[in-house]
Amino acid sequence: MSGASSIGEALARPFLFPGTFACNALGLPQSEYSDLVRMLVNSLVWTILGVIIVALVV
């Protein structure tokens, strides 16, 4: 079972990178607040990127 979780972790890492990078840059310790910041940054980054891609395609 650990093989499946490591594959999932490896696949998720690029998508979670913006939030992880922001938390590390801000020096937030591993806590529930860092999870909230990570979610916020990831959602903002991927939403903006998606809007840009849709604008370029349409």
PDB file of N, CA and C in Angstrom:
ATOM      1  N   MET A   1       0.806  -1.190   0.000  1.00  0.00           N
ATOM      2  CA  MET A   1       0.000   0.000   0.000  1.00  0.00           C
ATOM      3  C   MET A   1       0.856   1.264   0.000  1.00  0.00           C
ATOM      4  N   SER A   2       2.041   1.200   0.539  1.00  0.00           N
ATOM      5  CA  SER A   2       2.890   2.383   0.584  1.00  0.00           C
ATOM      6  C   SER A   2       3.365   2.784  -0.798  1.00  0.00           C
ATOM      7  N   GLY A   3       3.441   1.822  -1.712  1.00  0.00           N
ATOM      8  CA  GLY A   3       3.822   2.158  -3.076  1.00  0.00           C
ATOM      9  C   GLY A   3       2.787   3.036  -3.740  1.00  0.00           C
ATOM     10  N   ALA A   4       1.516   2.755  -3.486  1.00  0.00           N
ATOM     11  CA  ALA A   4       0.450   3.567  -4.072  1.00  0.00           C
ATOM     12  C   ALA A   4       0.445   4.972  -3.494  1.00  0.00           C
ATOM     13  N   SER A   5       0.701   5.095  -2.208  1.00  0.00           N
ATOM     14  CA  SER A   5       0.705   6.431  -1.616  1.00  0.00           C
ATOM     15  C   SER A   5       1.902   7.240  -2.099  1.00  0.00           C
ATOM     16  N   SER A   6       3.025   6.605  -2.336  1.00  0.00           N
ATOM     17  CA  SER A   6       4.182   7.346  -2.831  1.00  0.00           C
ATOM     18  C   SER A   6       3.977   7.781  -4.280  1.00  0.00           C
ATOM     19  N   ILE A   7       3.261   6.978  -5.065  1.00  0.00           N
ATOM     20  CA  ILE A   7       2.952   7.374  -6.437  1.00  0.00           C
ATOM     21  C   ILE A   7       1.986   8.556  -6.417  1.00  0.00           C
ATOM     22  N   GLY A   8       0.972   8.485  -5.557  1.00  0.00           N
ATOM     23  CA  GLY A   8       0.027   9.587  -5.430  1.00  0.00           C
ATOM     24  C   GLY A   8       0.702  10.858  -4.957  1.00  0.00           C
ATOM     25  N   GLU A   9       1.628  10.708  -4.026  1.00  0.00           N
ATOM     26  CA  GLU A   9       2.386  11.855  -3.540  1.00  0.00           C
ATOM     27  C   GLU A   9       3.215  12.477  -4.648  1.00  0.00           C
ATOM     28  N   ALA A  10       3.843  11.630  -5.444  1.00  0.00           N
ATOM     29  CA  ALA A  10       4.673  12.123  -6.542  1.00  0.00           C
ATOM     30  C   ALA A  10       3.831  12.827  -7.606  1.00  0.00           C
ATOM     31  N   LEU A  11       2.620  12.340  -7.845  1.00  0.00           N
ATOM     32  CA  LEU A  11       1.747  12.973  -8.825  1.00  0.00           C
ATOM     33  C   LEU A  11       1.166  14.288  -8.310  1.00  0.00           C
ATOM     34  N   ALA A  12       0.929  14.383  -7.016  1.00  0.00           N
ATOM     35  CA  ALA A  12       0.331  15.590  -6.436  1.00  0.00           C
ATOM     36  C   ALA A  12       1.353  16.697  -6.199  1.00  0.00           C
ATOM     37  N   ARG A  13       2.604  16.348  -6.045  1.00  0.00           N
ATOM     38  CA  ARG A  13       3.631  17.332  -5.688  1.00  0.00           C
ATOM     39  C   ARG A  13       3.686  18.537  -6.631  1.00  0.00           C
ATOM     40  N   PRO A  14       3.655  18.372  -7.970  1.00  0.00           N
ATOM     41  CA  PRO A  14       3.699  19.565  -8.838  1.00  0.00           C
ATOM     42  C   PRO A  14       2.476  20.469  -8.676  1.00  0.00           C
ATOM     43  N   PHE A  15       1.315  19.880  -8.409  1.00  0.00           N
ATOM     44  CA  PHE A  15       0.104  20.678  -8.252  1.00  0.00           C
ATOM     45  C   PHE A  15       0.078  21.424  -6.928  1.00  0.00           C
ATOM     46  N   LEU A  16       0.727  20.902  -5.922  1.00  0.00           N
ATOM     47  CA  LEU A  16       0.751  21.520  -4.604  1.00  0.00           C
ATOM     48  C   LEU A  16       1.973  22.417  -4.395  1.00  0.00           C
ATOM     49  N   PHE A  17       2.858  22.477  -5.387  1.00  0.00           N
ATOM     50  CA  PHE A  17       4.107  23.223  -5.238  1.00  0.00           C
ATOM     51  C   PHE A  17       3.911  24.705  -4.948  1.00  0.00           C
ATOM     52  N   PRO A  18       2.994  25.421  -5.627  1.00  0.00           N
ATOM     53  CA  PRO A  18       2.889  26.861  -5.338  1.00  0.00           C
ATOM     54  C   PRO A  18       2.573  27.152  -3.869  1.00  0.00           C
ATOM     55  N   GLY A  19       1.663  26.415  -3.289  1.00  0.00           N
ATOM     56  CA  GLY A  19       1.311  26.628  -1.891  1.00  0.00           C
ATOM     57  C   GLY A  19       2.425  26.252  -0.935  1.00  0.00           C
ATOM     58  N   THR A  20       3.092  25.156  -1.235  1.00  0.00           N
ATOM     59  CA  THR A  20       4.219  24.717  -0.401  1.00  0.00           C
ATOM     60  C   THR A  20       5.346  25.736  -0.457  1.00  0.00           C
ATOM     61  N   PHE A  21       5.615  26.252  -1.644  1.00  0.00           N
ATOM     62  CA  PHE A  21       6.655  27.261  -1.815  1.00  0.00           C
ATOM     63  C   PHE A  21       6.315  28.528  -1.031  1.00  0.00           C
ATOM     64  N   ALA A  22       5.053  28.952  -1.087  1.00  0.00           N
ATOM     65  CA  ALA A  22       4.627  30.154  -0.365  1.00  0.00           C
ATOM     66  C   ALA A  22       4.769  29.961   1.143  1.00  0.00           C
ATOM     67  N   CYS A  23       4.364  28.792   1.648  1.00  0.00           N
ATOM     68  CA  CYS A  23       4.488  28.529   3.087  1.00  0.00           C
ATOM     69  C   CYS A  23       5.948  28.523   3.524  1.00  0.00           C
ATOM     70  N   ASN A  24       6.800  27.926   2.719  1.00  0.00           N
ATOM     71  CA  ASN A  24       8.225  27.905   3.053  1.00  0.00           C
ATOM     72  C   ASN A  24       8.815  29.307   2.990  1.00  0.00           C
ATOM     73  N   ALA A  25       8.391  30.111   2.010  1.00  0.00           N
ATOM     74  CA  ALA A  25       8.904  31.475   1.877  1.00  0.00           C
ATOM     75  C   ALA A  25       8.464  32.347   3.054  1.00  0.00           C
ATOM     76  N   LEU A  26       7.251  32.112   3.548  1.00  0.00           N
ATOM     77  CA  LEU A  26       6.752  32.874   4.693  1.00  0.00           C
ATOM     78  C   LEU A  26       7.261  32.335   6.023  1.00  0.00           C
ATOM     79  N   GLY A  27       7.875  31.169   6.000  1.00  0.00           N
ATOM     80  CA  GLY A  27       8.416  30.573   7.218  1.00  0.00           C
ATOM     81  C   GLY A  27       7.349  30.030   8.142  1.00  0.00           C
ATOM     82  N   LEU A  28       6.222  29.581   7.576  1.00  0.00           N
ATOM     83  CA  LEU A  28       5.153  29.031   8.400  1.00  0.00           C
ATOM     84  C   LEU A  28       5.495  27.613   8.828  1.00  0.00           C
ATOM     85  N   PRO A  29       5.339  27.322  10.103  1.00  0.00           N
ATOM     86  CA  PRO A  29       5.577  25.951  10.552  1.00  0.00           C
ATOM     87  C   PRO A  29       4.455  25.033  10.078  1.00  0.00           C
ATOM     88  N   GLN A  30       4.688  23.749  10.116  1.00  0.00           N
ATOM     89  CA  GLN A  30       3.690  22.764   9.700  1.00  0.00           C
ATOM     90  C   GLN A  30       2.554  22.756  10.719  1.00  0.00           C
ATOM     91  N   SER A  31       1.450  23.414  10.383  1.00  0.00           N
ATOM     92  CA  SER A  31       0.293  23.479  11.278  1.00  0.00           C
ATOM     93  C   SER A  31      -0.957  23.633  10.435  1.00  0.00           C
ATOM     94  N   GLU A  32      -2.093  23.777  11.105  1.00  0.00           N
ATOM     95  CA  GLU A  32      -3.342  23.921  10.369  1.00  0.00           C
ATOM     96  C   GLU A  32      -3.377  25.246   9.611  1.00  0.00           C
ATOM     97  N   TYR A  33      -2.683  26.260  10.110  1.00  0.00           N
ATOM     98  CA  TYR A  33      -2.667  27.546   9.425  1.00  0.00           C
ATOM     99  C   TYR A  33      -1.873  27.459   8.127  1.00  0.00           C
ATOM    100  N   SER A  34      -0.806  26.707   8.133  1.00  0.00           N
ATOM    101  CA  SER A  34      -0.039  26.558   6.898  1.00  0.00           C
ATOM    102  C   SER A  34      -0.854  25.799   5.854  1.00  0.00           C
ATOM    103  N   ASP A  35      -1.700  24.874   6.300  1.00  0.00           N
ATOM    104  CA  ASP A  35      -2.574  24.167   5.354  1.00  0.00           C
ATOM    105  C   ASP A  35      -3.564  25.127   4.719  1.00  0.00           C
ATOM    106  N   LEU A  36      -4.110  26.058   5.500  1.00  0.00           N
ATOM    107  CA  LEU A  36      -5.047  27.040   4.960  1.00  0.00           C
ATOM    108  C   LEU A  36      -4.364  27.960   3.956  1.00  0.00           C
ATOM    109  N   VAL A  37      -3.168  28.412   4.282  1.00  0.00           N
ATOM    110  CA  VAL A  37      -2.420  29.281   3.365  1.00  0.00           C
ATOM    111  C   VAL A  37      -2.079  28.509   2.100  1.00  0.00           C
ATOM    112  N   ARG A  38      -1.673  27.262   2.248  1.00  0.00           N
ATOM    113  CA  ARG A  38      -1.329  26.435   1.097  1.00  0.00           C
ATOM    114  C   ARG A  38      -2.536  26.263   0.174  1.00  0.00           C
ATOM    115  N   MET A  39      -3.711  26.003   0.767  1.00  0.00           N
ATOM    116  CA  MET A  39      -4.930  25.854  -0.039  1.00  0.00           C
ATOM    117  C   MET A  39      -5.282  27.156  -0.750  1.00  0.00           C
ATOM    118  N   LEU A  40      -5.164  28.280  -0.055  1.00  0.00           N
ATOM    119  CA  LEU A  40      -5.480  29.568  -0.641  1.00  0.00           C
ATOM    120  C   LEU A  40      -4.564  29.868  -1.820  1.00  0.00           C
ATOM    121  N   VAL A  41      -3.269  29.703  -1.630  1.00  0.00           N
ATOM    122  CA  VAL A  41      -2.314  30.003  -2.687  1.00  0.00           C
ATOM    123  C   VAL A  41      -2.515  29.066  -3.870  1.00  0.00           C
ATOM    124  N   ASN A  42      -2.690  27.772  -3.604  1.00  0.00           N
ATOM    125  CA  ASN A  42      -2.903  26.824  -4.702  1.00  0.00           C
ATOM    126  C   ASN A  42      -4.156  27.164  -5.492  1.00  0.00           C
ATOM    127  N   SER A  43      -5.243  27.484  -4.808  1.00  0.00           N
ATOM    128  CA  SER A  43      -6.480  27.788  -5.528  1.00  0.00           C
ATOM    129  C   SER A  43      -6.333  29.063  -6.344  1.00  0.00           C
ATOM    130  N   LEU A  44      -5.659  30.066  -5.804  1.00  0.00           N
ATOM    131  CA  LEU A  44      -5.450  31.304  -6.559  1.00  0.00           C
ATOM    132  C   LEU A  44      -4.573  31.077  -7.784  1.00  0.00           C
ATOM    133  N   VAL A  45      -3.481  30.379  -7.604  1.00  0.00           N
ATOM    134  CA  VAL A  45      -2.554  30.144  -8.714  1.00  0.00           C
ATOM    135  C   VAL A  45      -3.216  29.341  -9.819  1.00  0.00           C
ATOM    136  N   TRP A  46      -3.872  28.243  -9.474  1.00  0.00           N
ATOM    137  CA  TRP A  46      -4.448  27.386 -10.507  1.00  0.00           C
ATOM    138  C   TRP A  46      -5.676  28.015 -11.149  1.00  0.00           C
ATOM    139  N   THR A  47      -6.434  28.833 -10.411  1.00  0.00           N
ATOM    140  CA  THR A  47      -7.571  29.535 -11.001  1.00  0.00           C
ATOM    141  C   THR A  47      -7.088  30.584 -11.998  1.00  0.00           C
ATOM    142  N   ILE A  48      -6.098  31.363 -11.616  1.00  0.00           N
ATOM    143  CA  ILE A  48      -5.562  32.384 -12.520  1.00  0.00           C
ATOM    144  C   ILE A  48      -4.959  31.732 -13.758  1.00  0.00           C
ATOM    145  N   LEU A  49      -4.214  30.654 -13.570  1.00  0.00           N
ATOM    146  CA  LEU A  49      -3.624  29.958 -14.705  1.00  0.00           C
ATOM    147  C   LEU A  49      -4.721  29.391 -15.622  1.00  0.00           C
ATOM    148  N   GLY A  50      -5.772  28.834 -15.052  1.00  0.00           N
ATOM    149  CA  GLY A  50      -6.868  28.307 -15.846  1.00  0.00           C
ATOM    150  C   GLY A  50      -7.583  29.384 -16.620  1.00  0.00           C
ATOM    151  N   VAL A  51      -7.810  30.541 -16.000  1.00  0.00           N
ATOM    152  CA  VAL A  51      -8.462  31.656 -16.698  1.00  0.00           C
ATOM    153  C   VAL A  51      -7.610  32.147 -17.846  1.00  0.00           C
ATOM    154  N   ILE A  52      -6.307  32.244 -17.647  1.00  0.00           N
ATOM    155  CA  ILE A  52      -5.407  32.671 -18.714  1.00  0.00           C
ATOM    156  C   ILE A  52      -5.436  31.692 -19.872  1.00  0.00           C
ATOM    157  N   ILE A  53      -5.392  30.406 -19.580  1.00  0.00           N
ATOM    158  CA  ILE A  53      -5.421  29.394 -20.640  1.00  0.00           C
ATOM    159  C   ILE A  53      -6.732  29.451 -21.404  1.00  0.00           C
ATOM    160  N   VAL A  54      -7.854  29.580 -20.701  1.00  0.00           N
ATOM    161  CA  VAL A  54      -9.149  29.666 -21.371  1.00  0.00           C
ATOM    162  C   VAL A  54      -9.224  30.927 -22.218  1.00  0.00           C
ATOM    163  N   ALA A  55      -8.700  32.040 -21.737  1.00  0.00           N
ATOM    164  CA  ALA A  55      -8.707  33.297 -22.500  1.00  0.00           C
ATOM    165  C   ALA A  55      -7.881  33.169 -23.764  1.00  0.00           C
ATOM    166  N   LEU A  56      -6.763  32.450 -23.687  1.00  0.00           N
ATOM    167  CA  LEU A  56      -5.926  32.272 -24.874  1.00  0.00           C
ATOM    168  C   LEU A  56      -6.566  31.306 -25.885  1.00  0.00           C
ATOM    169  N   VAL A  57      -7.269  30.319 -25.400  1.00  0.00           N
ATOM    170  CA  VAL A  57      -7.871  29.336 -26.297  1.00  0.00           C
ATOM    171  C   VAL A  57      -9.122  29.897 -26.967  1.00  0.00           C
ATOM    172  N   VAL A  58      -9.900  30.642 -26.209  1.00  0.00           N
ATOM    173  CA  VAL A  58     -11.163  31.192 -26.751  1.00  0.00           C
ATOM    174  C   VAL A  58     -10.876  32.508 -27.353  1.00  0.00           C
TER     175      VAL A  58
END
